[in-house]
């Protein structure tokens, strides 16, 4: 039998810097590029204009920031959106290791 040992971090080696997919790099690059363009185009030095100039980079960093149990915040937002607006019905089965449904329960009672 051919059995191969796969290292635990084999998926991370396919990511840029071990954290980012291509789309994440595009989002981050677009946010930084837009902020640079705003710094060039807007000449005012007030606090609110500076916040406006940095806002695209902050939003991009927020979207690609890695979080536990999900790849990043963007994936978490996508999953929450799919859960809320999906037509699929989810059933809670608790924390037990095995689930006995109605049909299994009826067969065991006979």
N, C-alpha and C. Protein backbone atom coordinates (compact mmCIF):
# COMPACT_ATOMS: atom_id res chain seq x y z
N UNK A 1 0.82 -1.17 0.00
CA UNK A 1 0.00 0.00 0.00
C UNK A 1 0.88 1.25 0.00
N UNK A 2 0.50 2.23 -0.82
CA UNK A 2 1.24 3.49 -0.83
C UNK A 2 0.66 4.44 0.20
N UNK A 3 1.44 4.68 1.22
CA UNK A 3 1.01 5.63 2.24
C UNK A 3 2.05 6.75 2.30
N UNK A 4 1.57 7.95 2.18
CA UNK A 4 2.45 9.11 2.19
C UNK A 4 2.18 9.93 3.44
N UNK A 5 3.22 10.43 4.01
CA UNK A 5 3.09 11.32 5.15
C UNK A 5 3.03 12.74 4.62
N UNK A 6 1.94 13.43 4.91
CA UNK A 6 1.77 14.81 4.45
C UNK A 6 2.06 15.73 5.62
N UNK A 7 2.97 16.67 5.46
CA UNK A 7 3.25 17.58 6.57
C UNK A 7 2.03 18.43 6.90
N UNK A 8 1.92 18.82 8.16
CA UNK A 8 0.75 19.56 8.63
C UNK A 8 0.64 20.93 7.97
N UNK A 9 1.75 21.51 7.55
CA UNK A 9 1.71 22.86 6.98
C UNK A 9 1.77 22.84 5.46
N UNK A 10 1.34 21.77 4.81
CA UNK A 10 1.42 21.69 3.36
C UNK A 10 0.49 22.68 2.68
N UNK A 11 -0.65 23.00 3.30
CA UNK A 11 -1.56 24.00 2.72
C UNK A 11 -0.97 25.40 2.82
N UNK A 12 -0.31 25.69 3.92
CA UNK A 12 0.26 27.02 4.11
C UNK A 12 1.39 27.30 3.11
N UNK A 13 2.03 26.26 2.63
CA UNK A 13 3.12 26.48 1.67
C UNK A 13 2.59 26.95 0.31
N UNK A 14 1.31 26.77 0.06
CA UNK A 14 0.70 27.22 -1.20
C UNK A 14 0.27 28.69 -1.13
N UNK A 15 0.35 29.30 0.06
CA UNK A 15 -0.08 30.67 0.25
C UNK A 15 1.10 31.63 0.21
N UNK A 16 0.85 32.88 -0.19
CA UNK A 16 1.89 33.89 -0.16
C UNK A 16 2.18 34.27 1.28
N UNK A 17 3.44 34.25 1.66
CA UNK A 17 3.88 34.53 3.03
C UNK A 17 3.23 33.59 4.04
N UNK A 18 2.71 32.46 3.58
CA UNK A 18 2.07 31.50 4.45
C UNK A 18 0.71 31.95 4.97
N UNK A 19 0.17 33.08 4.48
CA UNK A 19 -1.08 33.62 5.00
C UNK A 19 -2.10 34.01 3.94
N UNK A 20 -1.66 34.43 2.75
CA UNK A 20 -2.55 35.09 1.81
C UNK A 20 -2.75 34.30 0.52
N UNK A 21 -4.02 34.27 0.05
CA UNK A 21 -4.31 33.77 -1.29
C UNK A 21 -4.07 34.91 -2.27
N UNK A 22 -4.22 34.61 -3.58
CA UNK A 22 -4.04 35.65 -4.60
C UNK A 22 -5.04 36.79 -4.42
N UNK A 23 -6.31 36.44 -4.16
CA UNK A 23 -7.33 37.47 -4.01
C UNK A 23 -7.05 38.35 -2.81
N UNK A 24 -6.48 37.78 -1.75
CA UNK A 24 -6.12 38.57 -0.58
C UNK A 24 -5.03 39.58 -0.93
N UNK A 25 -4.06 39.15 -1.71
CA UNK A 25 -2.97 40.06 -2.12
C UNK A 25 -3.52 41.16 -3.03
N UNK A 26 -4.48 40.82 -3.89
CA UNK A 26 -5.09 41.82 -4.77
C UNK A 26 -5.86 42.85 -3.95
N UNK A 27 -6.65 42.39 -2.97
CA UNK A 27 -7.41 43.30 -2.12
C UNK A 27 -6.47 44.21 -1.34
N UNK A 28 -5.43 43.65 -0.77
CA UNK A 28 -4.47 44.44 0.00
C UNK A 28 -3.74 45.43 -0.89
N UNK A 29 -3.30 45.00 -2.05
CA UNK A 29 -2.61 45.89 -2.98
C UNK A 29 -3.51 47.01 -3.47
N UNK A 30 -4.77 46.68 -3.75
CA UNK A 30 -5.71 47.71 -4.22
C UNK A 30 -5.97 48.74 -3.12
N UNK A 31 -6.09 48.30 -1.88
CA UNK A 31 -6.30 49.23 -0.77
C UNK A 31 -5.12 50.15 -0.56
N UNK A 32 -3.92 49.60 -0.63
CA UNK A 32 -2.72 50.42 -0.48
C UNK A 32 -2.57 51.38 -1.65
N UNK A 33 -2.80 50.90 -2.86
CA UNK A 33 -2.70 51.75 -4.04
C UNK A 33 -3.71 52.90 -4.00
N UNK A 34 -4.93 52.60 -3.59
CA UNK A 34 -5.95 53.64 -3.48
C UNK A 34 -5.58 54.68 -2.42
N UNK A 35 -5.01 54.23 -1.30
CA UNK A 35 -4.56 55.19 -0.28
C UNK A 35 -3.44 56.07 -0.80
N UNK A 36 -2.51 55.50 -1.54
CA UNK A 36 -1.41 56.30 -2.12
C UNK A 36 -1.97 57.34 -3.09
N UNK A 37 -2.94 56.91 -3.90
CA UNK A 37 -3.55 57.86 -4.83
C UNK A 37 -4.28 58.98 -4.09
N UNK A 38 -4.96 58.66 -3.00
CA UNK A 38 -5.64 59.68 -2.22
C UNK A 38 -4.65 60.63 -1.56
N UNK A 39 -3.51 60.12 -1.11
CA UNK A 39 -2.48 60.99 -0.53
C UNK A 39 -1.95 61.97 -1.57
N UNK A 40 -1.85 61.52 -2.82
CA UNK A 40 -1.35 62.39 -3.89
C UNK A 40 -2.42 63.42 -4.29
N UNK A 41 -3.67 62.98 -4.41
CA UNK A 41 -4.73 63.84 -4.93
C UNK A 41 -5.28 64.83 -3.91
N UNK A 42 -5.45 64.41 -2.66
CA UNK A 42 -6.02 65.29 -1.64
C UNK A 42 -4.90 66.03 -0.90
N UNK A 43 -4.93 67.35 -0.93
CA UNK A 43 -3.83 68.14 -0.37
C UNK A 43 -4.08 68.62 1.06
N UNK A 44 -5.29 68.50 1.58
CA UNK A 44 -5.60 68.99 2.91
C UNK A 44 -4.89 68.16 3.97
N UNK A 45 -4.51 68.81 5.08
CA UNK A 45 -3.79 68.10 6.15
C UNK A 45 -4.61 68.01 7.43
N UNK A 46 -5.92 68.11 7.34
CA UNK A 46 -6.74 67.96 8.53
C UNK A 46 -6.83 66.50 8.92
N UNK A 47 -7.26 66.29 10.16
CA UNK A 47 -7.34 64.92 10.69
C UNK A 47 -8.33 64.07 9.90
N UNK A 48 -9.49 64.63 9.56
CA UNK A 48 -10.52 63.86 8.87
C UNK A 48 -10.10 63.48 7.46
N UNK A 49 -9.39 64.34 6.78
CA UNK A 49 -8.91 64.02 5.43
C UNK A 49 -7.83 62.94 5.51
N UNK A 50 -6.98 63.01 6.53
CA UNK A 50 -5.95 61.98 6.71
C UNK A 50 -6.58 60.62 6.99
N UNK A 51 -7.63 60.61 7.81
CA UNK A 51 -8.35 59.35 8.08
C UNK A 51 -8.97 58.83 6.79
N UNK A 52 -9.54 59.71 5.99
CA UNK A 52 -10.12 59.33 4.70
C UNK A 52 -9.05 58.75 3.77
N UNK A 53 -7.86 59.31 3.80
CA UNK A 53 -6.77 58.82 2.95
C UNK A 53 -6.33 57.42 3.35
N UNK A 54 -6.32 57.13 4.64
CA UNK A 54 -5.83 55.84 5.15
C UNK A 54 -6.92 54.78 5.20
N UNK A 55 -8.17 55.18 5.09
CA UNK A 55 -9.30 54.27 5.21
C UNK A 55 -9.28 53.07 4.25
N UNK A 56 -8.92 53.22 2.97
CA UNK A 56 -8.87 52.03 2.10
C UNK A 56 -7.84 50.99 2.56
N UNK A 57 -6.71 51.43 3.05
CA UNK A 57 -5.71 50.48 3.54
C UNK A 57 -6.19 49.79 4.81
N UNK A 58 -6.82 50.53 5.71
CA UNK A 58 -7.35 49.93 6.94
C UNK A 58 -8.44 48.91 6.61
N UNK A 59 -9.32 49.23 5.68
CA UNK A 59 -10.38 48.29 5.28
C UNK A 59 -9.79 47.04 4.65
N UNK A 60 -8.78 47.20 3.81
CA UNK A 60 -8.15 46.04 3.16
C UNK A 60 -7.45 45.15 4.18
N UNK A 61 -6.75 45.77 5.12
CA UNK A 61 -6.07 45.00 6.17
C UNK A 61 -7.11 44.25 7.01
N UNK A 62 -8.22 44.90 7.33
CA UNK A 62 -9.29 44.25 8.10
C UNK A 62 -9.83 43.03 7.37
N UNK A 63 -10.02 43.13 6.06
CA UNK A 63 -10.58 42.01 5.29
C UNK A 63 -9.65 40.82 5.19
N UNK A 64 -8.35 41.04 5.12
CA UNK A 64 -7.40 39.93 4.93
C UNK A 64 -6.73 39.51 6.23
N UNK A 65 -7.14 40.08 7.36
CA UNK A 65 -6.55 39.74 8.65
C UNK A 65 -6.92 38.30 9.02
N UNK A 66 -5.94 37.43 9.32
CA UNK A 66 -6.25 36.04 9.63
C UNK A 66 -6.89 35.91 11.02
N UNK A 67 -7.89 35.03 11.12
CA UNK A 67 -8.54 34.74 12.39
C UNK A 67 -8.65 33.23 12.57
N UNK A 68 -8.74 32.75 13.82
CA UNK A 68 -8.83 31.31 14.06
C UNK A 68 -10.12 30.71 13.49
N UNK A 69 -10.05 29.47 13.05
CA UNK A 69 -11.15 28.67 12.53
C UNK A 69 -11.65 29.13 11.16
N UNK A 70 -11.14 30.21 10.63
CA UNK A 70 -11.46 30.68 9.29
C UNK A 70 -10.15 31.16 8.68
N UNK A 71 -10.11 31.28 7.36
CA UNK A 71 -8.88 31.77 6.74
C UNK A 71 -8.62 33.22 7.12
N UNK A 72 -9.62 34.07 6.94
CA UNK A 72 -9.51 35.48 7.32
C UNK A 72 -10.90 36.07 7.50
N UNK A 73 -10.96 37.36 7.78
CA UNK A 73 -12.24 38.01 8.05
C UNK A 73 -13.14 37.98 6.82
N UNK A 74 -12.56 38.10 5.63
CA UNK A 74 -13.35 38.06 4.40
C UNK A 74 -14.09 36.73 4.27
N UNK A 75 -13.44 35.64 4.58
CA UNK A 75 -14.06 34.31 4.50
C UNK A 75 -15.14 34.18 5.58
N UNK A 76 -14.91 34.72 6.77
CA UNK A 76 -15.91 34.69 7.83
C UNK A 76 -17.16 35.46 7.40
N UNK A 77 -16.99 36.64 6.82
CA UNK A 77 -18.13 37.43 6.35
C UNK A 77 -18.89 36.69 5.27
N UNK A 78 -18.16 36.03 4.35
CA UNK A 78 -18.81 35.26 3.29
C UNK A 78 -19.62 34.09 3.87
N UNK A 79 -19.06 33.40 4.87
CA UNK A 79 -19.76 32.27 5.49
C UNK A 79 -20.99 32.75 6.26
N UNK A 80 -20.91 33.87 6.97
CA UNK A 80 -22.07 34.40 7.68
C UNK A 80 -23.16 34.82 6.69
N UNK A 81 -22.77 35.44 5.59
CA UNK A 81 -23.73 35.84 4.57
C UNK A 81 -24.42 34.61 3.98
N UNK A 82 -23.64 33.56 3.70
CA UNK A 82 -24.20 32.33 3.14
C UNK A 82 -25.14 31.66 4.14
N UNK A 83 -24.82 31.71 5.43
CA UNK A 83 -25.66 31.11 6.45
C UNK A 83 -26.99 31.84 6.57
N UNK A 84 -26.96 33.17 6.55
CA UNK A 84 -28.18 33.96 6.74
C UNK A 84 -29.07 33.92 5.52
N UNK A 85 -28.50 34.03 4.32
CA UNK A 85 -29.30 34.16 3.12
C UNK A 85 -29.43 32.86 2.32
N UNK A 86 -28.95 31.76 2.86
CA UNK A 86 -29.03 30.47 2.18
C UNK A 86 -30.41 29.85 2.44
N UNK A 87 -30.92 29.10 1.51
CA UNK A 87 -32.22 28.44 1.66
C UNK A 87 -32.10 27.11 2.40
N UNK A 88 -30.87 26.70 2.71
CA UNK A 88 -30.65 25.42 3.37
C UNK A 88 -31.06 25.52 4.84
N UNK A 89 -31.63 24.46 5.38
CA UNK A 89 -32.04 24.44 6.78
C UNK A 89 -30.99 23.66 7.58
N UNK A 90 -30.50 24.27 8.65
CA UNK A 90 -29.49 23.64 9.50
C UNK A 90 -30.15 23.09 10.76
N UNK A 91 -29.77 21.88 11.15
CA UNK A 91 -30.33 21.23 12.32
C UNK A 91 -29.24 21.09 13.38
N UNK A 92 -29.57 21.46 14.59
CA UNK A 92 -28.62 21.34 15.69
C UNK A 92 -28.65 19.90 16.20
N UNK A 93 -27.46 19.30 16.34
CA UNK A 93 -27.39 17.93 16.81
C UNK A 93 -26.60 17.82 18.12
N UNK A 94 -26.18 18.92 18.67
CA UNK A 94 -25.49 18.90 19.96
C UNK A 94 -24.04 18.50 19.85
N UNK A 95 -23.47 18.23 20.99
CA UNK A 95 -22.04 17.95 21.06
C UNK A 95 -21.74 16.46 21.19
N UNK A 96 -22.70 15.58 21.02
CA UNK A 96 -22.46 14.16 21.19
C UNK A 96 -21.60 13.62 20.04
N UNK A 97 -20.91 12.52 20.30
CA UNK A 97 -20.03 11.97 19.28
C UNK A 97 -20.78 11.18 18.22
N UNK A 98 -21.94 10.64 18.56
CA UNK A 98 -22.74 9.95 17.56
C UNK A 98 -24.18 10.45 17.66
N UNK A 99 -24.85 10.47 16.55
CA UNK A 99 -26.22 10.99 16.51
C UNK A 99 -27.16 9.87 16.15
N UNK A 100 -28.19 9.72 16.93
CA UNK A 100 -29.23 8.73 16.66
C UNK A 100 -30.45 9.50 16.21
N UNK A 101 -30.78 9.37 14.94
CA UNK A 101 -31.93 10.08 14.40
C UNK A 101 -33.22 9.36 14.70
N UNK A 102 -34.31 9.86 14.19
CA UNK A 102 -35.63 9.28 14.43
C UNK A 102 -35.73 7.85 13.90
N UNK A 103 -35.18 7.60 12.71
CA UNK A 103 -35.29 6.26 12.13
C UNK A 103 -34.46 5.25 12.90
N UNK A 104 -33.26 5.66 13.37
CA UNK A 104 -32.42 4.75 14.14
C UNK A 104 -33.04 4.46 15.51
N UNK A 105 -33.68 5.49 16.10
CA UNK A 105 -34.31 5.34 17.39
C UNK A 105 -35.51 4.39 17.33
N UNK A 106 -36.30 4.49 16.28
CA UNK A 106 -37.46 3.62 16.10
C UNK A 106 -37.03 2.18 15.90
N UNK A 107 -35.92 1.98 15.15
CA UNK A 107 -35.42 0.61 14.91
C UNK A 107 -34.88 0.02 16.19
N UNK A 108 -34.27 0.84 17.05
CA UNK A 108 -33.71 0.31 18.31
C UNK A 108 -34.80 -0.02 19.31
N UNK A 109 -35.95 0.67 19.24
CA UNK A 109 -37.04 0.43 20.18
C UNK A 109 -37.85 -0.82 19.84
N UNK A 110 -37.75 -1.33 18.62
CA UNK A 110 -38.53 -2.51 18.20
C UNK A 110 -38.01 -3.78 18.79
